Structure formats: C-alpha cells, structure tokens
Amino acid sequence: MLLFEPVGDFDALICTAGVVDFAALDQITTELFDIAVRSKLMGQVNEDPRKGVCLALLNGDFERFVRASSDRAWP
C-alpha cells in the first residue's frame, strides 16, 4: 500500500480507533464515559496482560486525562 511505503517493512499495525464523545468535562454523562472506556480502552486492555500492557495503558490514560483536563476543568 502506498500509505505504508515510506515506513518500509513492519511486523504489526495497531489500531486504536474507538467511539468517544468530545464534550466538556461537566457535560460527559456516565453513559458516554462508559461507551468511550469500552470502545477505546478495553479493546487494548483485552490484550495479553502478562507483559504489563494493562498497567502501562491505564497509567498512560490516567496521565493524559489529568493533563487534558487540569487546565480546563478548574480555574
């Protein structure tokens, strides 16, 4: 495929696509949050956890959430 030609040979391709509602923190309902977690997060967490994938993934997600929301949610 032309898309991957500049990359050359590779062993695997990971897709992290999922359903996420982009809304202000105070507008995200529990239902919308659950959909996002099941769609974006659990698809990756359901991988083989023996090598620490789950821990690394969750730590990264928590860190990104804090960074993304800290300067917007509170004055």
N, C-alpha and C. Protein backbone atom coordinates (compact mmCIF):
# COMPACT_ATOMS: atom_id res chain seq x y z
N MET A 1 0.84 -1.19 0.00
CA MET A 1 0.00 0.00 0.00
C MET A 1 0.87 1.25 0.00
N LEU A 2 0.45 2.23 -0.71
CA LEU A 2 1.21 3.47 -0.79
C LEU A 2 1.32 4.17 0.56
N LEU A 3 0.30 4.02 1.38
CA LEU A 3 0.30 4.67 2.70
C LEU A 3 1.50 4.26 3.54
N PHE A 4 1.86 2.98 3.48
CA PHE A 4 2.93 2.46 4.33
C PHE A 4 4.27 2.36 3.62
N GLU A 5 4.33 2.74 2.37
CA GLU A 5 5.57 2.65 1.61
C GLU A 5 6.74 3.38 2.27
N PRO A 6 6.55 4.61 2.78
CA PRO A 6 7.68 5.30 3.41
C PRO A 6 8.20 4.60 4.67
N VAL A 7 7.35 3.81 5.31
CA VAL A 7 7.73 3.13 6.54
C VAL A 7 8.60 1.92 6.27
N GLY A 8 8.33 1.24 5.18
CA GLY A 8 9.05 0.00 4.89
C GLY A 8 8.37 -1.18 5.56
N ASP A 9 9.09 -2.28 5.68
CA ASP A 9 8.53 -3.49 6.29
C ASP A 9 8.27 -3.28 7.78
N PHE A 10 7.18 -3.86 8.28
CA PHE A 10 6.89 -3.84 9.71
C PHE A 10 6.12 -5.09 10.06
N ASP A 11 6.14 -5.44 11.36
CA ASP A 11 5.55 -6.70 11.82
C ASP A 11 4.08 -6.59 12.19
N ALA A 12 3.66 -5.44 12.66
CA ALA A 12 2.28 -5.33 13.14
C ALA A 12 1.79 -3.90 12.99
N LEU A 13 0.49 -3.78 12.93
CA LEU A 13 -0.16 -2.48 12.87
C LEU A 13 -1.22 -2.46 13.96
N ILE A 14 -1.19 -1.47 14.81
CA ILE A 14 -2.14 -1.36 15.91
C ILE A 14 -3.12 -0.24 15.60
N CYS A 15 -4.39 -0.54 15.72
CA CYS A 15 -5.43 0.46 15.51
C CYS A 15 -6.07 0.77 16.85
N THR A 16 -6.11 2.03 17.21
CA THR A 16 -6.71 2.44 18.48
C THR A 16 -7.98 3.25 18.25
N ALA A 17 -8.65 2.97 17.14
CA ALA A 17 -9.89 3.68 16.83
C ALA A 17 -10.96 3.30 17.84
N GLY A 18 -11.86 4.20 18.09
CA GLY A 18 -12.95 3.93 19.01
C GLY A 18 -13.95 5.06 19.00
N VAL A 19 -15.01 4.89 19.75
CA VAL A 19 -16.08 5.88 19.84
C VAL A 19 -15.88 6.71 21.10
N VAL A 20 -15.72 8.01 20.91
CA VAL A 20 -15.54 8.92 22.03
C VAL A 20 -16.34 10.19 21.76
N ASP A 21 -17.07 10.66 22.75
CA ASP A 21 -17.84 11.89 22.62
C ASP A 21 -16.96 13.06 23.07
N PHE A 22 -16.74 14.01 22.19
CA PHE A 22 -15.95 15.19 22.56
C PHE A 22 -16.89 16.23 23.14
N ALA A 23 -16.79 16.40 24.45
CA ALA A 23 -17.66 17.35 25.15
C ALA A 23 -16.90 17.87 26.37
N ALA A 24 -17.40 18.94 26.91
CA ALA A 24 -16.80 19.48 28.14
C ALA A 24 -16.94 18.47 29.26
N LEU A 25 -16.01 18.50 30.18
CA LEU A 25 -15.98 17.53 31.28
C LEU A 25 -17.31 17.48 32.04
N ASP A 26 -17.92 18.65 32.26
CA ASP A 26 -19.18 18.68 33.01
C ASP A 26 -20.39 18.24 32.19
N GLN A 27 -20.19 17.96 30.89
CA GLN A 27 -21.28 17.51 30.04
C GLN A 27 -21.21 16.03 29.70
N ILE A 28 -20.14 15.37 30.11
CA ILE A 28 -20.00 13.94 29.81
C ILE A 28 -20.76 13.14 30.86
N THR A 29 -21.70 12.37 30.39
CA THR A 29 -22.50 11.54 31.28
C THR A 29 -21.77 10.23 31.56
N THR A 30 -22.25 9.51 32.55
CA THR A 30 -21.69 8.20 32.86
C THR A 30 -21.83 7.27 31.66
N GLU A 31 -22.95 7.34 30.98
CA GLU A 31 -23.16 6.50 29.81
C GLU A 31 -22.15 6.81 28.70
N LEU A 32 -21.93 8.09 28.41
CA LEU A 32 -20.95 8.46 27.39
C LEU A 32 -19.54 8.03 27.79
N PHE A 33 -19.22 8.17 29.06
CA PHE A 33 -17.90 7.76 29.55
C PHE A 33 -17.73 6.25 29.42
N ASP A 34 -18.76 5.49 29.78
CA ASP A 34 -18.70 4.03 29.67
C ASP A 34 -18.51 3.58 28.23
N ILE A 35 -19.20 4.24 27.30
CA ILE A 35 -19.05 3.90 25.88
C ILE A 35 -17.60 4.14 25.45
N ALA A 36 -17.03 5.26 25.84
CA ALA A 36 -15.65 5.57 25.47
C ALA A 36 -14.67 4.57 26.08
N VAL A 37 -14.87 4.22 27.34
CA VAL A 37 -13.97 3.26 28.00
C VAL A 37 -14.05 1.90 27.32
N ARG A 38 -15.27 1.43 27.05
CA ARG A 38 -15.42 0.13 26.39
C ARG A 38 -14.84 0.15 24.98
N SER A 39 -15.01 1.26 24.29
CA SER A 39 -14.59 1.35 22.89
C SER A 39 -13.09 1.59 22.75
N LYS A 40 -12.56 2.61 23.41
CA LYS A 40 -11.16 2.99 23.24
C LYS A 40 -10.21 2.22 24.15
N LEU A 41 -10.58 2.04 25.38
CA LEU A 41 -9.66 1.48 26.37
C LEU A 41 -9.70 -0.04 26.44
N MET A 42 -10.88 -0.60 26.56
CA MET A 42 -10.98 -2.04 26.79
C MET A 42 -10.53 -2.87 25.59
N GLY A 43 -10.63 -2.33 24.39
CA GLY A 43 -10.12 -3.05 23.23
C GLY A 43 -8.64 -3.31 23.34
N GLN A 44 -7.92 -2.41 23.96
CA GLN A 44 -6.49 -2.59 24.14
C GLN A 44 -6.18 -3.37 25.41
N VAL A 45 -6.97 -3.15 26.44
CA VAL A 45 -6.74 -3.84 27.71
C VAL A 45 -6.97 -5.34 27.56
N ASN A 46 -7.85 -5.73 26.66
CA ASN A 46 -8.15 -7.15 26.48
C ASN A 46 -7.02 -7.91 25.80
N GLU A 47 -5.92 -7.24 25.52
CA GLU A 47 -4.74 -7.92 25.01
C GLU A 47 -4.11 -8.74 26.14
N ASP A 48 -3.11 -9.51 25.80
CA ASP A 48 -2.41 -10.34 26.77
C ASP A 48 -1.77 -9.47 27.86
N PRO A 49 -2.26 -9.52 29.09
CA PRO A 49 -1.76 -8.65 30.15
C PRO A 49 -0.49 -9.13 30.82
N ARG A 50 0.03 -10.28 30.44
CA ARG A 50 1.18 -10.85 31.14
C ARG A 50 2.44 -10.02 31.01
N LYS A 51 2.47 -9.13 30.06
CA LYS A 51 3.68 -8.33 29.87
C LYS A 51 3.49 -6.89 30.32
N GLY A 52 2.49 -6.63 31.11
CA GLY A 52 2.30 -5.29 31.66
C GLY A 52 1.57 -4.32 30.76
N VAL A 53 0.94 -4.82 29.70
CA VAL A 53 0.23 -3.94 28.78
C VAL A 53 -0.85 -3.16 29.51
N CYS A 54 -1.63 -3.83 30.33
CA CYS A 54 -2.75 -3.16 31.02
C CYS A 54 -2.25 -2.03 31.92
N LEU A 55 -1.25 -2.33 32.70
CA LEU A 55 -0.75 -1.32 33.63
C LEU A 55 -0.21 -0.11 32.88
N ALA A 56 0.57 -0.35 31.86
CA ALA A 56 1.13 0.75 31.08
C ALA A 56 0.03 1.56 30.41
N LEU A 57 -0.95 0.88 29.86
CA LEU A 57 -2.03 1.55 29.17
C LEU A 57 -2.85 2.40 30.13
N LEU A 58 -3.21 1.85 31.26
CA LEU A 58 -4.01 2.61 32.22
C LEU A 58 -3.24 3.80 32.78
N ASN A 59 -1.97 3.59 33.09
CA ASN A 59 -1.16 4.71 33.59
C ASN A 59 -1.10 5.83 32.56
N GLY A 60 -0.90 5.46 31.31
CA GLY A 60 -0.86 6.47 30.25
C GLY A 60 -2.18 7.20 30.09
N ASP A 61 -3.28 6.45 30.15
CA ASP A 61 -4.60 7.08 30.01
C ASP A 61 -4.89 8.02 31.17
N PHE A 62 -4.56 7.61 32.38
CA PHE A 62 -4.79 8.48 33.53
C PHE A 62 -3.96 9.76 33.42
N GLU A 63 -2.71 9.61 33.01
CA GLU A 63 -1.86 10.78 32.88
C GLU A 63 -2.39 11.73 31.81
N ARG A 64 -2.80 11.19 30.67
CA ARG A 64 -3.34 12.05 29.61
C ARG A 64 -4.63 12.73 30.04
N PHE A 65 -5.48 12.02 30.79
CA PHE A 65 -6.72 12.63 31.27
C PHE A 65 -6.41 13.82 32.18
N VAL A 66 -5.49 13.63 33.10
CA VAL A 66 -5.16 14.70 34.04
C VAL A 66 -4.58 15.89 33.30
N ARG A 67 -3.67 15.62 32.36
CA ARG A 67 -3.06 16.72 31.60
C ARG A 67 -4.11 17.46 30.75
N ALA A 68 -5.02 16.72 30.14
CA ALA A 68 -6.03 17.33 29.26
C ALA A 68 -7.08 18.11 30.04
N SER A 69 -7.40 17.66 31.23
CA SER A 69 -8.49 18.30 31.95
C SER A 69 -8.04 19.30 33.01
N SER A 70 -6.80 19.24 33.44
CA SER A 70 -6.38 20.07 34.57
C SER A 70 -6.46 21.57 34.28
N ASP A 71 -6.10 21.98 33.08
CA ASP A 71 -6.12 23.43 32.83
C ASP A 71 -7.48 23.93 32.36
N ARG A 72 -8.43 23.01 32.10
CA ARG A 72 -9.75 23.42 31.62
C ARG A 72 -10.83 23.28 32.67
N ALA A 73 -10.70 22.30 33.53
CA ALA A 73 -11.78 21.99 34.45
C ALA A 73 -11.83 22.91 35.66
N TRP A 74 -10.66 23.39 36.05
CA TRP A 74 -10.61 24.21 37.25
C TRP A 74 -9.95 25.54 36.94
N PRO A 75 -10.47 26.61 37.52
CA PRO A 75 -9.87 27.94 37.24
C PRO A 75 -8.47 28.06 37.80
